[in-house]
Amino acid sequence: MKRISFRAGLVLGMSMALLPVAGAGVSAPAAFAQSAPSSAVIAPVQTLYTALDQIVQSHGSFAERSQIVATAVDKSYDLEAVLKASIGLRYNGLNADEKQKLLAAFKAYTVSRYVSNFKPGADIKFTIQPTVTDTAVGGNKLVVTDLGASDGSTPTEISYIMNNASGSWKIVDVLLSDARISQAAAQRSDFSSTLTSGGVSGLISVLERKAQAYAKD
């Protein structure tokens, strides 16, 4: 059985144990039987997982699989919100050009990591839990998913914070495991130290190098 290492930080790729899974597919039990608002909240996560399932079953090149994931990331994530939360108050002091270049590097890194982690032929099952709940932040919603484990092993829980500030629901943070560790909070220290030592150009370089490394993996 092939296994997949899902680095569930989802942007910085925090290390996790290998997930033993059997059978590929995207499962969203009753997700689209929910009320329209619940279906709308779940839809971006469904889009992301459909794309990941597609590249797992694809035999295309890294570039071809990257295009599939990039399209899904654009539809599913508010990457600027994730980046802003990961940098913190320092983000407000960046000029427009710095923000644009940093966001481009951030997206390239995110896409490359996904493509590297979800390799063709890997056996993985994505399950989206149908119940959408409110978060402590007004207006945000929580979508809970499980990765794994149709062979009977314990699945890994990945949850998504959804925000509708732009008129459509988007992922703005990812929570790792049932401990609900925030991706953005985990990244802030790492991003801050890189910005302090190397500035925006230093952080861009780090993200670009990581993206290139994933493409060779």
Protein backbone atom coordinates (compact mmCIF):
# COMPACT_ATOMS: atom_id res chain seq x y z
CA MET A 1 0.00 0.00 0.00
CA LYS A 2 1.30 3.44 -0.87
CA ARG A 3 1.15 6.07 1.82
CA ILE A 4 1.01 9.80 1.70
CA SER A 5 2.67 12.24 4.04
CA PHE A 6 0.19 15.08 4.50
CA ARG A 7 2.02 18.06 5.91
CA ALA A 8 -1.06 19.62 7.31
CA GLY A 9 0.31 23.06 7.98
CA LEU A 10 -0.91 23.44 4.40
CA VAL A 11 1.36 26.36 3.69
CA LEU A 12 4.58 25.82 5.61
CA GLY A 13 4.18 22.06 5.54
CA MET A 14 4.44 21.16 9.20
CA SER A 15 5.57 17.55 9.50
CA MET A 16 3.02 14.89 10.33
CA ALA A 17 3.09 11.11 10.59
CA LEU A 18 2.36 9.13 7.47
CA LEU A 19 -1.30 8.52 6.91
CA PRO A 20 -2.14 4.90 6.08
CA VAL A 21 -5.12 4.98 3.74
CA ALA A 22 -6.83 2.68 1.29
CA GLY A 23 -8.89 3.80 -1.64
CA ALA A 24 -8.85 7.18 -3.33
CA GLY A 25 -11.85 9.43 -3.49
CA VAL A 26 -13.58 12.51 -2.22
CA SER A 27 -16.40 11.80 0.18
CA ALA A 28 -18.70 14.50 1.47
CA PRO A 29 -21.53 12.63 3.17
CA ALA A 30 -24.74 14.65 2.97
CA ALA A 31 -22.75 17.83 2.24
CA PHE A 32 -24.90 18.85 -0.67
CA ALA A 33 -28.09 17.83 1.05
CA GLN A 34 -27.52 20.59 3.58
CA SER A 35 -29.15 23.97 3.46
CA ALA A 36 -27.83 26.35 0.83
CA PRO A 37 -25.68 28.30 3.31
CA SER A 38 -23.97 25.12 4.58
CA SER A 39 -23.37 23.87 1.07
CA ALA A 40 -21.85 27.22 0.13
CA VAL A 41 -19.47 27.11 3.11
CA ILE A 42 -18.36 23.55 2.31
CA ALA A 43 -17.98 24.10 -1.44
CA PRO A 44 -14.43 25.59 -1.39
CA VAL A 45 -13.11 22.65 0.62
CA GLN A 46 -14.86 20.26 -1.75
CA THR A 47 -13.19 22.06 -4.68
CA LEU A 48 -9.77 21.72 -3.08
CA TYR A 49 -10.19 18.04 -2.27
CA THR A 50 -11.56 17.25 -5.71
CA ALA A 51 -8.42 18.75 -7.24
CA LEU A 52 -6.15 16.83 -4.87
CA ASP A 53 -7.97 13.61 -5.68
CA GLN A 54 -7.56 14.42 -9.38
CA ILE A 55 -3.78 14.82 -9.16
CA VAL A 56 -3.46 11.65 -7.11
CA GLN A 57 -5.13 9.79 -9.97
CA SER A 58 -3.28 11.74 -12.69
CA HIS A 59 -0.16 10.73 -14.59
CA GLY A 60 0.54 14.26 -15.80
CA SER A 61 3.74 16.21 -15.28
CA PHE A 62 4.44 18.26 -12.18
CA ALA A 63 3.55 21.41 -14.13
CA GLU A 64 0.25 19.93 -15.32
CA ARG A 65 -0.72 18.84 -11.84
CA SER A 66 0.34 22.24 -10.50
CA GLN A 67 -2.11 23.94 -12.83
CA ILE A 68 -4.95 21.80 -11.50
CA VAL A 69 -4.06 22.67 -7.92
CA ALA A 70 -3.45 26.36 -8.67
CA THR A 71 -6.95 26.71 -10.09
CA ALA A 72 -8.43 25.05 -6.99
CA VAL A 73 -6.36 27.19 -4.62
CA ASP A 74 -7.59 30.35 -6.34
CA LYS A 75 -11.18 29.20 -5.87
CA SER A 76 -10.81 27.82 -2.35
CA TYR A 77 -8.41 30.09 -0.46
CA ASP A 78 -8.18 33.74 0.43
CA LEU A 79 -4.41 33.43 0.29
CA GLU A 80 -3.83 37.09 1.06
CA ALA A 81 -5.79 36.71 4.29
CA VAL A 82 -3.75 33.62 5.21
CA LEU A 83 -0.52 35.44 4.42
CA LYS A 84 -1.54 38.55 6.35
CA ALA A 85 -2.46 36.49 9.40
CA SER A 86 0.82 34.57 9.13
CA ILE A 87 2.91 37.75 9.05
CA GLY A 88 0.89 39.78 11.55
CA LEU A 89 0.95 43.55 11.97
CA ARG A 90 4.16 43.85 9.95
CA TYR A 91 2.11 43.09 6.82
CA ASN A 92 0.42 46.49 7.03
CA GLY A 93 3.79 48.20 6.65
CA LEU A 94 4.62 46.52 3.33
CA ASN A 95 4.16 48.49 0.14
CA ALA A 96 1.93 47.29 -2.70
CA ASP A 97 4.81 45.87 -4.75
CA GLU A 98 6.17 43.91 -1.78
CA LYS A 99 2.73 42.49 -1.04
CA GLN A 100 2.21 41.45 -4.65
CA LYS A 101 5.59 39.71 -4.97
CA LEU A 102 5.25 38.03 -1.59
CA LEU A 103 1.78 36.75 -2.41
CA ALA A 104 3.00 35.31 -5.73
CA ALA A 105 5.80 33.43 -3.97
CA PHE A 106 3.40 32.29 -1.26
CA LYS A 107 0.98 30.88 -3.85
CA ALA A 108 3.74 29.12 -5.81
CA TYR A 109 4.97 27.54 -2.60
CA THR A 110 1.48 26.45 -1.55
CA VAL A 111 0.74 24.84 -4.91
CA SER A 112 4.12 23.09 -5.13
CA ARG A 113 3.74 21.66 -1.65
CA TYR A 114 0.33 20.24 -2.43
CA VAL A 115 1.55 18.65 -5.66
CA SER A 116 4.61 17.20 -3.95
CA ASN A 117 2.63 15.75 -1.05
CA PHE A 118 -0.20 14.26 -3.11
CA LYS A 119 1.72 12.17 -5.62
CA PRO A 120 0.16 10.09 -8.41
CA GLY A 121 -0.89 6.67 -7.22
CA ALA A 122 -1.08 7.56 -3.53
CA ASP A 123 -4.03 5.97 -1.76
CA ILE A 124 -5.99 8.63 0.10
CA LYS A 125 -9.58 9.25 1.05
CA PHE A 126 -10.93 12.72 1.82
CA THR A 127 -14.08 13.00 3.93
CA ILE A 128 -15.85 16.27 4.63
CA GLN A 129 -18.10 16.22 7.68
CA PRO A 130 -21.51 17.67 6.78
CA THR A 131 -22.05 19.81 9.86
CA VAL A 132 -20.84 23.41 9.62
CA THR A 133 -20.37 25.24 12.93
CA ASP A 134 -19.72 28.82 14.00
CA THR A 135 -16.30 29.90 15.24
CA ALA A 136 -15.45 32.30 18.04
CA VAL A 137 -14.78 35.01 15.43
CA GLY A 138 -18.06 36.57 14.37
CA GLY A 139 -19.31 35.34 11.02
CA ASN A 140 -16.60 32.74 10.43
CA LYS A 141 -17.49 29.07 10.00
CA LEU A 142 -15.68 25.81 10.68
CA VAL A 143 -15.59 22.89 8.23
CA VAL A 144 -14.14 19.66 9.64
CA THR A 145 -12.61 16.99 7.41
CA ASP A 146 -10.85 13.66 7.85
CA LEU A 147 -7.92 12.29 5.83
CA GLY A 148 -7.47 8.54 5.89
CA ALA A 149 -8.35 5.86 6.98
CA SER A 150 -10.64 3.40 5.29
CA ASP A 151 -8.37 0.55 6.39
CA GLY A 152 -9.53 1.09 9.96
CA SER A 153 -6.65 3.23 11.21
CA THR A 154 -7.35 6.53 12.91
CA PRO A 155 -7.95 9.34 10.39
CA THR A 156 -6.24 12.71 10.64
CA GLU A 157 -8.59 15.60 11.30
CA ILE A 158 -8.02 18.78 9.28
CA SER A 159 -10.40 21.70 9.84
CA TYR A 160 -10.85 24.85 7.79
CA ILE A 161 -11.81 28.32 8.97
CA MET A 162 -14.11 29.87 6.37
CA ASN A 163 -14.72 33.59 5.91
CA ASN A 164 -17.20 35.41 3.67
CA ALA A 165 -15.83 38.95 3.81
CA SER A 166 -15.39 39.18 0.04
CA GLY A 167 -18.88 37.96 -0.85
CA SER A 168 -17.97 34.29 -1.23
CA TRP A 169 -16.74 31.72 1.25
CA LYS A 170 -12.98 31.18 1.30
CA ILE A 171 -10.48 29.31 3.48
CA VAL A 172 -8.59 31.75 5.73
CA ASP A 173 -6.94 29.35 8.17
CA VAL A 174 -6.35 25.64 8.67
CA LEU A 175 -6.53 23.84 12.00
CA LEU A 176 -4.41 20.75 12.49
CA SER A 177 -5.77 17.67 14.30
CA ASP A 178 -8.36 17.57 17.05
CA ALA A 179 -6.11 19.94 19.03
CA ARG A 180 -7.05 22.54 16.39
CA ILE A 181 -3.58 24.09 16.03
CA SER A 182 -3.79 27.19 13.84
CA GLN A 183 -1.63 27.18 10.72
CA ALA A 184 -1.39 30.98 10.69
CA ALA A 185 -0.36 31.15 14.34
CA ALA A 186 2.24 28.42 13.85
CA GLN A 187 3.74 30.28 10.89
CA ARG A 188 3.96 33.72 12.48
CA SER A 189 7.14 33.00 14.44
CA ASP A 190 8.93 31.51 11.44
CA PHE A 191 7.86 34.29 9.09
CA SER A 192 8.75 36.95 11.64
CA SER A 193 12.29 35.66 12.16
CA THR A 194 12.87 35.45 8.40
CA LEU A 195 11.54 38.97 7.85
CA THR A 196 13.71 40.29 10.67
CA SER A 197 16.87 38.72 9.30
CA GLY A 198 16.26 39.09 5.57
CA GLY A 199 13.33 41.41 5.01
CA VAL A 200 10.62 40.79 2.43
CA SER A 201 13.16 39.72 -0.19
CA GLY A 202 14.52 37.16 2.25
CA LEU A 203 11.09 35.65 2.87
CA ILE A 204 10.36 35.57 -0.85
CA SER A 205 13.65 33.78 -1.47
CA VAL A 206 12.87 31.20 1.21
CA LEU A 207 9.44 30.48 -0.25
CA GLU A 208 10.83 30.26 -3.78
CA ARG A 209 13.56 27.83 -2.71
CA LYS A 210 11.03 25.65 -0.94
CA ALA A 211 8.76 25.64 -4.00
CA GLN A 212 11.68 24.62 -6.20
CA ALA A 213 12.65 21.86 -3.78
CA TYR A 214 9.11 20.48 -3.81
CA ALA A 215 9.13 20.46 -7.62
CA LYS A 216 12.23 18.22 -7.53
CA ASP A 217 10.86 15.91 -4.84
